[in-house]
């Protein structure tokens, strides 16, 4: 009888690994705490086929402390002994399933919050996002594609309305996408293409209107235009800028793809026939910048008068004695990474082969990408 009582008492007071309804975190390794001073988060994972590969994390967004849990065989989980405060609860599982969005909540002392059923989806059920927009004019674009950046083989072609220019790409899984457009010859866009967007599950993302301009349109973006020696030079290809505040470098280049070498066939060696550079070293925003006798801030023009790589390169610059330049930056758009403005310069010979002072007038740079 005495031995039996001892056995019963030992069984009642000993540690058990059995999961109870009050403690359904199968991996709870935290020390017992006073329930009135800590909080807990509960819920249930569905379907049960994912419970073996699912983990739950509650991150205290103030302390950045992470509390982990795993569901039991029926999908129930409980994260116990949580200090009061703000939390973000996230879920991970088999990559074949789409995890639900994280839950944000604030816990009070002694509070137990039930998240309810946390449902994971798989296969086509995850493809619930979409991307849409408008291209104008529609004749400027032949096709539009969205490629999942995490899987270059996952490409989706847009439906493009040939009348309105509206396009849409539907039934997309959540993720980051690179949007590319096959442009018709002779068109430039007012945004960088390709560009990257992010969509979440069930999200319909509208990227807005994307405008295209014909090369002959003076309102087209990303161009430099100016007058030199009585000729207007308009450059929309081989133009650009580099802006790493406060240093700015704008440039355009007229080049050819091949030249004839006297001793051999044509080779893809460009011959620079005409180029213009604007360099400024103290640009911190829009304004007028006057350059005179400064090598770091100047307007430089280079050209060859003979179509041959052996012809001398003639250069003029505003940095020389008697030279000057005025550059006015009217706008800098940090979101689109473009800048616009106008300029003029009096340039003097820089190379020994250049002769005579020159004038660069009516200079304009419009939505120049940097």
Protein backbone atom coordinates (compact mmCIF):
# COMPACT_ATOMS: atom_id res chain seq x y z
CA UNK A 1 0.00 0.00 0.00
CA UNK A 2 2.81 2.44 0.89
CA UNK A 3 4.64 1.63 -2.34
CA UNK A 4 1.45 2.21 -4.33
CA UNK A 5 0.87 5.67 -2.76
CA UNK A 6 4.44 6.73 -3.49
CA UNK A 7 3.99 5.63 -7.10
CA UNK A 8 0.77 7.62 -7.49
CA UNK A 9 2.27 10.74 -5.95
CA UNK A 10 5.32 10.48 -8.18
CA UNK A 11 3.12 10.20 -11.28
CA UNK A 12 1.07 13.23 -10.28
CA UNK A 13 4.07 15.53 -9.66
CA UNK A 14 6.48 14.40 -12.42
CA UNK A 15 7.17 16.28 -15.74
CA UNK A 16 5.05 15.21 -18.73
CA UNK A 17 5.62 15.76 -22.49
CA UNK A 18 1.95 15.32 -23.30
CA UNK A 19 0.46 18.29 -25.23
CA UNK A 20 -2.48 19.79 -23.40
CA UNK A 21 -5.04 22.32 -24.60
CA UNK A 22 -3.36 24.92 -22.37
CA UNK A 23 0.06 24.37 -23.87
CA UNK A 24 -0.15 23.48 -27.55
CA UNK A 25 3.26 24.76 -28.58
CA UNK A 26 5.09 21.52 -29.30
CA UNK A 27 8.49 23.23 -29.08
CA UNK A 28 7.86 25.53 -26.11
CA UNK A 29 11.19 25.66 -24.25
CA UNK A 30 10.48 28.83 -22.27
CA UNK A 31 10.45 28.75 -18.52
CA UNK A 32 7.08 28.91 -16.76
CA UNK A 33 5.98 32.47 -16.05
CA UNK A 34 3.20 34.17 -14.18
CA UNK A 35 0.25 34.18 -16.67
CA UNK A 36 -0.87 37.55 -15.31
CA UNK A 37 2.40 39.22 -16.36
CA UNK A 38 2.88 37.66 -19.81
CA UNK A 39 0.77 37.21 -22.92
CA UNK A 40 0.27 34.49 -25.53
CA UNK A 41 -0.70 34.02 -29.16
CA UNK A 42 -2.68 31.03 -30.41
CA UNK A 43 -4.06 29.82 -33.72
CA UNK A 44 -4.43 26.87 -36.03
CA UNK A 45 -2.59 26.04 -39.25
CA UNK A 46 -4.65 24.77 -42.16
CA UNK A 47 -4.43 22.40 -43.98
CA UNK A 48 -2.87 19.87 -41.62
CA UNK A 49 -0.77 18.53 -44.51
CA UNK A 50 1.64 21.44 -43.99
CA UNK A 51 2.06 21.25 -40.19
CA UNK A 52 5.25 19.18 -40.36
CA UNK A 53 7.03 21.86 -42.39
CA UNK A 54 5.50 24.95 -40.79
CA UNK A 55 7.05 27.22 -38.18
CA UNK A 56 5.62 30.31 -36.53
CA UNK A 57 7.65 33.33 -35.38
CA UNK A 58 6.48 36.21 -33.21
CA UNK A 59 8.88 39.16 -33.37
CA UNK A 60 8.69 41.88 -30.75
CA UNK A 61 9.12 44.91 -33.00
CA UNK A 62 10.53 47.01 -30.15
CA UNK A 63 13.16 44.65 -28.75
CA UNK A 64 13.51 42.59 -31.97
CA UNK A 65 13.32 39.45 -29.82
CA UNK A 66 11.96 36.47 -31.76
CA UNK A 67 9.77 33.76 -30.19
CA UNK A 68 9.33 30.57 -32.23
CA UNK A 69 6.74 27.81 -32.15
CA UNK A 70 5.64 24.76 -34.14
CA UNK A 71 2.07 23.48 -34.56
CA UNK A 72 0.92 20.12 -33.19
CA UNK A 73 -0.37 17.31 -35.38
CA UNK A 74 -3.78 18.96 -35.64
CA UNK A 75 -2.35 22.36 -36.59
CA UNK A 76 -2.82 24.10 -33.23
CA UNK A 77 -0.04 26.33 -31.92
CA UNK A 78 0.54 28.55 -28.92
CA UNK A 79 3.39 30.97 -28.26
CA UNK A 80 3.54 31.55 -24.51
CA UNK A 81 5.36 33.79 -22.04
CA UNK A 82 5.42 36.85 -24.30
CA UNK A 83 6.16 40.23 -22.72
CA UNK A 84 3.56 42.87 -23.45
CA UNK A 85 4.27 44.95 -26.55
CA UNK A 86 3.92 45.12 -30.36
CA UNK A 87 4.46 41.94 -32.38
CA UNK A 88 4.60 40.74 -35.95
CA UNK A 89 3.68 37.10 -36.42
CA UNK A 90 5.00 35.41 -39.56
CA UNK A 91 4.74 31.90 -40.98
CA UNK A 92 7.05 29.74 -43.08
CA UNK A 93 6.38 26.40 -44.70
CA UNK A 94 7.07 24.26 -47.76
CA UNK A 95 7.98 26.52 -50.75
CA UNK A 96 5.16 24.88 -52.72
CA UNK A 97 2.70 26.73 -50.50
CA UNK A 98 2.07 30.43 -50.26
CA UNK A 99 2.36 31.68 -46.66
CA UNK A 100 -0.27 34.15 -45.47
CA UNK A 101 0.65 37.77 -44.85
CA UNK A 102 2.22 38.51 -41.45
CA UNK A 103 -0.10 39.57 -38.62
CA UNK A 104 0.64 42.74 -36.65
CA UNK A 105 -0.79 43.09 -33.15
CA UNK A 106 -0.13 44.58 -29.73
CA UNK A 107 -0.32 42.41 -26.62
CA UNK A 108 -1.21 43.54 -23.11
CA UNK A 109 -0.13 41.84 -19.90
CA UNK A 110 -2.06 38.62 -19.34
CA UNK A 111 -3.71 38.84 -22.77
CA UNK A 112 -4.21 35.78 -24.98
CA UNK A 113 -4.88 36.57 -28.65
CA UNK A 114 -6.28 33.94 -30.98
CA UNK A 115 -5.39 34.46 -34.67
CA UNK A 116 -7.94 31.87 -35.73
CA UNK A 117 -7.32 29.65 -38.74
CA UNK A 118 -4.13 30.45 -40.66
CA UNK A 119 -4.66 29.12 -44.17
CA UNK A 120 -1.87 28.20 -46.56
CA UNK A 121 -2.59 27.97 -50.28
CA UNK A 122 -0.86 26.03 -53.02
CA UNK A 123 -0.61 25.84 -56.78
CA UNK A 124 -2.84 28.07 -58.89
CA UNK A 125 -4.64 29.32 -55.79
CA UNK A 126 -1.57 31.50 -55.08
CA UNK A 127 -1.76 33.23 -58.49
CA UNK A 128 -4.06 36.04 -57.46
CA UNK A 129 -2.02 39.19 -58.17
CA UNK A 130 -2.18 41.37 -61.27
CA UNK A 131 -0.28 44.24 -62.92
CA UNK A 132 -1.91 46.80 -65.21
CA UNK A 133 -1.26 50.15 -66.84
CA UNK A 134 -1.51 52.18 -70.04
CA UNK A 135 1.03 52.84 -72.78
CA UNK A 136 0.67 55.86 -75.06
CA UNK A 137 0.68 55.85 -77.98
CA UNK A 138 -0.10 52.15 -78.32
CA UNK A 139 1.78 52.04 -81.63
CA UNK A 140 5.03 52.58 -79.69
CA UNK A 141 4.86 49.15 -78.02
CA UNK A 142 4.73 45.74 -79.62
CA UNK A 143 4.60 43.52 -76.51
CA UNK A 144 4.88 43.67 -72.73
CA UNK A 145 6.25 40.97 -70.41
CA UNK A 146 6.56 40.46 -66.65
CA UNK A 147 9.35 38.13 -65.51
CA UNK A 148 9.60 36.89 -61.92
CA UNK A 149 13.06 37.98 -60.78
CA UNK A 150 13.47 34.89 -58.56
CA UNK A 151 12.79 32.63 -61.54
CA UNK A 152 13.75 33.97 -64.96
CA UNK A 153 11.84 31.13 -66.60
CA UNK A 154 8.56 32.42 -65.16
CA UNK A 155 7.48 34.98 -67.76
CA UNK A 156 3.97 36.34 -68.31
CA UNK A 157 2.83 38.26 -71.40
CA UNK A 158 0.41 41.14 -71.02
CA UNK A 159 -2.91 41.50 -72.79
CA UNK A 160 -2.58 44.78 -74.72
CA UNK A 161 -5.65 46.64 -76.00
CA UNK A 162 -4.72 47.85 -79.51
CA UNK A 163 -7.10 50.82 -79.26
CA UNK A 164 -6.71 52.24 -75.75
CA UNK A 165 -3.18 51.06 -74.93
CA UNK A 166 -4.41 49.51 -71.66
CA UNK A 167 -2.50 46.39 -70.64
CA UNK A 168 -2.95 43.81 -67.91
CA UNK A 169 -1.10 40.76 -66.66
CA UNK A 170 -3.32 38.53 -64.51
CA UNK A 171 -3.05 35.44 -62.31
CA UNK A 172 0.43 36.22 -61.03
CA UNK A 173 2.03 34.69 -57.93
CA UNK A 174 3.27 37.23 -55.42
CA UNK A 175 6.85 38.43 -55.92
CA UNK A 176 9.18 40.90 -57.62
CA UNK A 177 8.75 41.34 -61.38
CA UNK A 178 10.84 42.94 -64.10
CA UNK A 179 8.53 44.66 -66.59
CA UNK A 180 9.97 44.85 -70.09
CA UNK A 181 8.48 46.32 -73.26
CA UNK A 182 9.35 45.63 -76.86
CA UNK A 183 9.39 49.14 -78.32
CA UNK A 184 8.81 50.09 -81.91
CA UNK A 185 11.81 51.61 -83.69
CA UNK A 186 12.26 55.31 -83.09
CA UNK A 187 10.51 55.63 -79.71
CA UNK A 188 11.74 56.62 -76.26
CA UNK A 189 9.82 56.29 -72.98
CA UNK A 190 9.49 58.77 -70.13
CA UNK A 191 10.44 56.08 -67.59
CA UNK A 192 13.27 53.58 -67.45
CA UNK A 193 12.28 50.35 -69.18
CA UNK A 194 12.65 47.64 -68.01
CA UNK A 195 11.63 48.47 -64.43
CA UNK A 196 10.90 46.37 -61.34
CA UNK A 197 7.70 46.20 -59.29
CA UNK A 198 6.55 44.12 -56.32
CA UNK A 199 3.09 42.61 -55.95
CA UNK A 200 1.55 40.78 -53.01
CA UNK A 201 -1.04 38.03 -53.11
CA UNK A 202 -4.50 39.37 -54.08
CA UNK A 203 -2.97 42.75 -55.02
CA UNK A 204 -3.92 44.59 -58.22
CA UNK A 205 -1.04 46.95 -59.01
CA UNK A 206 -1.56 49.77 -61.52
CA UNK A 207 1.75 51.22 -62.75
CA UNK A 208 -0.02 54.17 -64.36
CA UNK A 209 0.50 55.67 -67.79
CA UNK A 210 3.82 55.23 -69.59
CA UNK A 211 4.38 57.78 -72.33
CA UNK A 212 6.45 57.21 -75.43
CA UNK A 213 7.82 59.88 -77.75
CA UNK A 214 9.02 59.68 -81.31
CA UNK A 215 12.66 60.59 -81.81
CA UNK A 216 11.56 63.54 -83.96
CA UNK A 217 9.37 64.95 -81.16
CA UNK A 218 11.22 67.80 -79.41
CA UNK A 219 9.26 67.05 -76.22
CA UNK A 220 10.69 63.57 -75.94
CA UNK A 221 12.68 62.85 -72.78
CA UNK A 222 16.37 62.22 -72.30
CA UNK A 223 17.83 64.50 -74.94
CA UNK A 224 20.39 67.27 -75.31
CA UNK A 225 20.02 69.96 -77.96
CA UNK A 226 22.23 72.96 -78.76
CA UNK A 227 23.51 75.17 -81.56
CA UNK A 228 27.15 75.11 -82.64
CA UNK A 229 28.72 76.70 -85.71
CA UNK A 230 25.28 77.57 -87.08
CA UNK A 231 24.00 74.01 -86.81
CA UNK A 232 21.45 72.65 -84.34
CA UNK A 233 22.58 69.37 -82.78
CA UNK A 234 19.81 67.25 -81.29
CA UNK A 235 20.92 64.06 -79.55
CA UNK A 236 18.48 61.44 -78.24
CA UNK A 237 20.71 58.40 -78.39
CA UNK A 238 24.09 58.00 -76.70
CA UNK A 239 23.09 60.64 -74.17
CA UNK A 240 22.96 60.51 -70.40
CA UNK A 241 24.32 61.80 -67.14
CA UNK A 242 25.95 60.65 -63.93
CA UNK A 243 24.94 62.46 -60.78
CA UNK A 244 26.59 61.61 -57.49
CA UNK A 245 25.96 64.78 -55.51
CA UNK A 246 27.70 67.16 -55.72
CA UNK A 247 29.40 65.87 -58.91
CA UNK A 248 27.47 65.96 -62.19
CA UNK A 249 28.55 64.75 -65.61
CA UNK A 250 26.22 65.17 -68.62
CA UNK A 251 27.19 63.99 -72.06
CA UNK A 252 26.06 63.21 -75.60
CA UNK A 253 27.93 61.43 -78.34
CA UNK A 254 27.44 61.10 -82.07
CA UNK A 255 29.13 57.85 -83.16
CA UNK A 256 29.08 55.28 -85.92
CA UNK A 257 29.05 51.53 -85.53
CA UNK A 258 31.77 50.68 -88.01
CA UNK A 259 34.61 52.18 -89.99
CA UNK A 260 36.64 51.06 -92.95
CA UNK A 261 40.22 50.19 -92.10
CA UNK A 262 42.48 50.69 -95.13
CA UNK A 263 44.13 47.30 -94.62
CA UNK A 264 41.05 45.25 -93.81
CA UNK A 265 37.28 44.85 -93.66
CA UNK A 266 34.81 46.85 -91.58
CA UNK A 267 35.16 46.49 -87.84
CA UNK A 268 32.77 47.59 -85.07
CA UNK A 269 35.04 50.38 -83.85
CA UNK A 270 33.10 53.60 -83.21
CA UNK A 271 34.45 56.86 -84.52
CA UNK A 272 33.45 59.85 -82.37
CA UNK A 273 32.38 62.58 -84.76
CA UNK A 274 30.81 65.04 -82.33
CA UNK A 275 30.40 64.99 -78.55
CA UNK A 276 29.57 67.46 -75.81
CA UNK A 277 30.20 67.18 -72.07
CA UNK A 278 29.03 69.30 -69.15
CA UNK A 279 30.89 68.83 -65.87
CA UNK A 280 29.91 70.44 -62.57
CA UNK A 281 31.40 69.71 -59.16
CA UNK A 282 29.14 71.59 -56.73
CA UNK A 283 25.59 70.59 -57.66
CA UNK A 284 23.29 70.21 -54.66
CA UNK A 285 19.99 71.04 -56.34
CA UNK A 286 18.35 73.20 -59.02
CA UNK A 287 19.97 76.56 -59.70
CA UNK A 288 22.28 78.48 -62.03
CA UNK A 289 25.95 77.51 -62.14
CA UNK A 290 28.55 79.80 -63.75
CA UNK A 291 31.85 78.26 -64.82
CA UNK A 292 34.86 80.36 -65.68
CA UNK A 293 38.44 79.17 -65.67
CA UNK A 294 37.57 76.06 -63.64
CA UNK A 295 38.76 72.68 -64.89
CA UNK A 296 36.33 70.69 -62.71
CA UNK A 297 33.30 72.65 -63.93
CA UNK A 298 33.24 73.23 -67.66
CA UNK A 299 31.60 72.62 -71.02
CA UNK A 300 33.79 70.65 -73.42
CA UNK A 301 33.10 69.91 -77.08
CA UNK A 302 35.01 67.38 -79.18
CA UNK A 303 34.71 66.61 -82.88
CA UNK A 304 36.35 65.09 -85.92
CA UNK A 305 35.83 66.69 -89.29
CA UNK A 306 36.91 63.57 -91.20
CA UNK A 307 35.19 60.21 -90.82
CA UNK A 308 38.23 58.23 -89.74
CA UNK A 309 39.60 57.08 -86.43
CA UNK A 310 42.97 58.39 -87.58
CA UNK A 311 41.65 61.95 -87.97
CA UNK A 312 42.68 64.34 -85.21
CA UNK A 313 40.20 64.96 -82.41
CA UNK A 314 39.48 68.68 -82.07
CA UNK A 315 38.48 69.86 -78.60
CA UNK A 316 37.29 73.17 -77.14
CA UNK A 317 36.54 73.93 -73.51
CA UNK A 318 35.12 76.71 -71.35
CA UNK A 319 37.94 76.10 -68.84
CA UNK A 320 40.57 77.86 -70.91
CA UNK A 321 41.48 81.54 -70.78
CA UNK A 322 38.60 83.57 -72.16
CA UNK A 323 36.11 80.71 -71.84
CA UNK A 324 32.96 80.63 -69.74
CA UNK A 325 29.75 78.63 -69.34
CA UNK A 326 26.37 79.08 -67.69
CA UNK A 327 24.31 76.02 -66.80
CA UNK A 328 20.84 76.34 -65.25
CA UNK A 329 19.25 73.24 -63.74
CA UNK A 330 15.50 73.84 -63.52
CA UNK A 331 14.35 70.51 -62.07
CA UNK A 332 15.84 67.38 -60.50
CA UNK A 333 13.41 64.50 -60.03
CA UNK A 334 14.97 62.03 -57.55
CA UNK A 335 12.11 59.54 -58.00
CA UNK A 336 12.40 59.27 -61.79
CA UNK A 337 16.12 60.12 -61.62
CA UNK A 338 15.92 62.80 -64.32
CA UNK A 339 16.97 66.43 -64.61
CA UNK A 340 16.15 69.29 -66.98
CA UNK A 341 17.58 72.73 -67.73
CA UNK A 342 19.44 74.83 -70.26
CA UNK A 343 22.99 76.05 -70.94
CA UNK A 344 25.30 78.18 -73.07
CA UNK A 345 29.07 78.47 -73.32
CA UNK A 346 31.96 80.34 -74.85
CA UNK A 347 34.61 77.69 -75.53
CA UNK A 348 38.25 78.13 -76.51
CA UNK A 349 40.70 75.67 -78.14
CA UNK A 350 41.90 72.94 -75.81
CA UNK A 351 43.73 70.70 -78.30
CA UNK A 352 46.53 71.94 -80.53
CA UNK A 353 44.50 70.97 -83.59
CA UNK A 354 41.48 73.13 -82.68
CA UNK A 355 41.40 76.73 -83.88
CA UNK A 356 39.25 79.75 -83.07
CA UNK A 357 36.88 80.43 -80.21
CA UNK A 358 33.42 78.89 -80.53
CA UNK A 359 29.95 79.55 -79.11
CA UNK A 360 27.49 76.95 -77.85
CA UNK A 361 24.04 78.52 -77.63
CA UNK A 362 20.39 77.63 -76.99
CA UNK A 363 21.45 74.51 -75.12
CA UNK A 364 18.67 72.40 -73.59
CA UNK A 365 18.70 69.13 -71.67
CA UNK A 366 15.29 67.60 -71.00
CA UNK A 367 14.49 64.83 -68.53
CA UNK A 368 18.04 63.61 -68.84
CA UNK A 369 18.35 60.31 -66.99
CA UNK A 370 21.05 59.93 -64.37
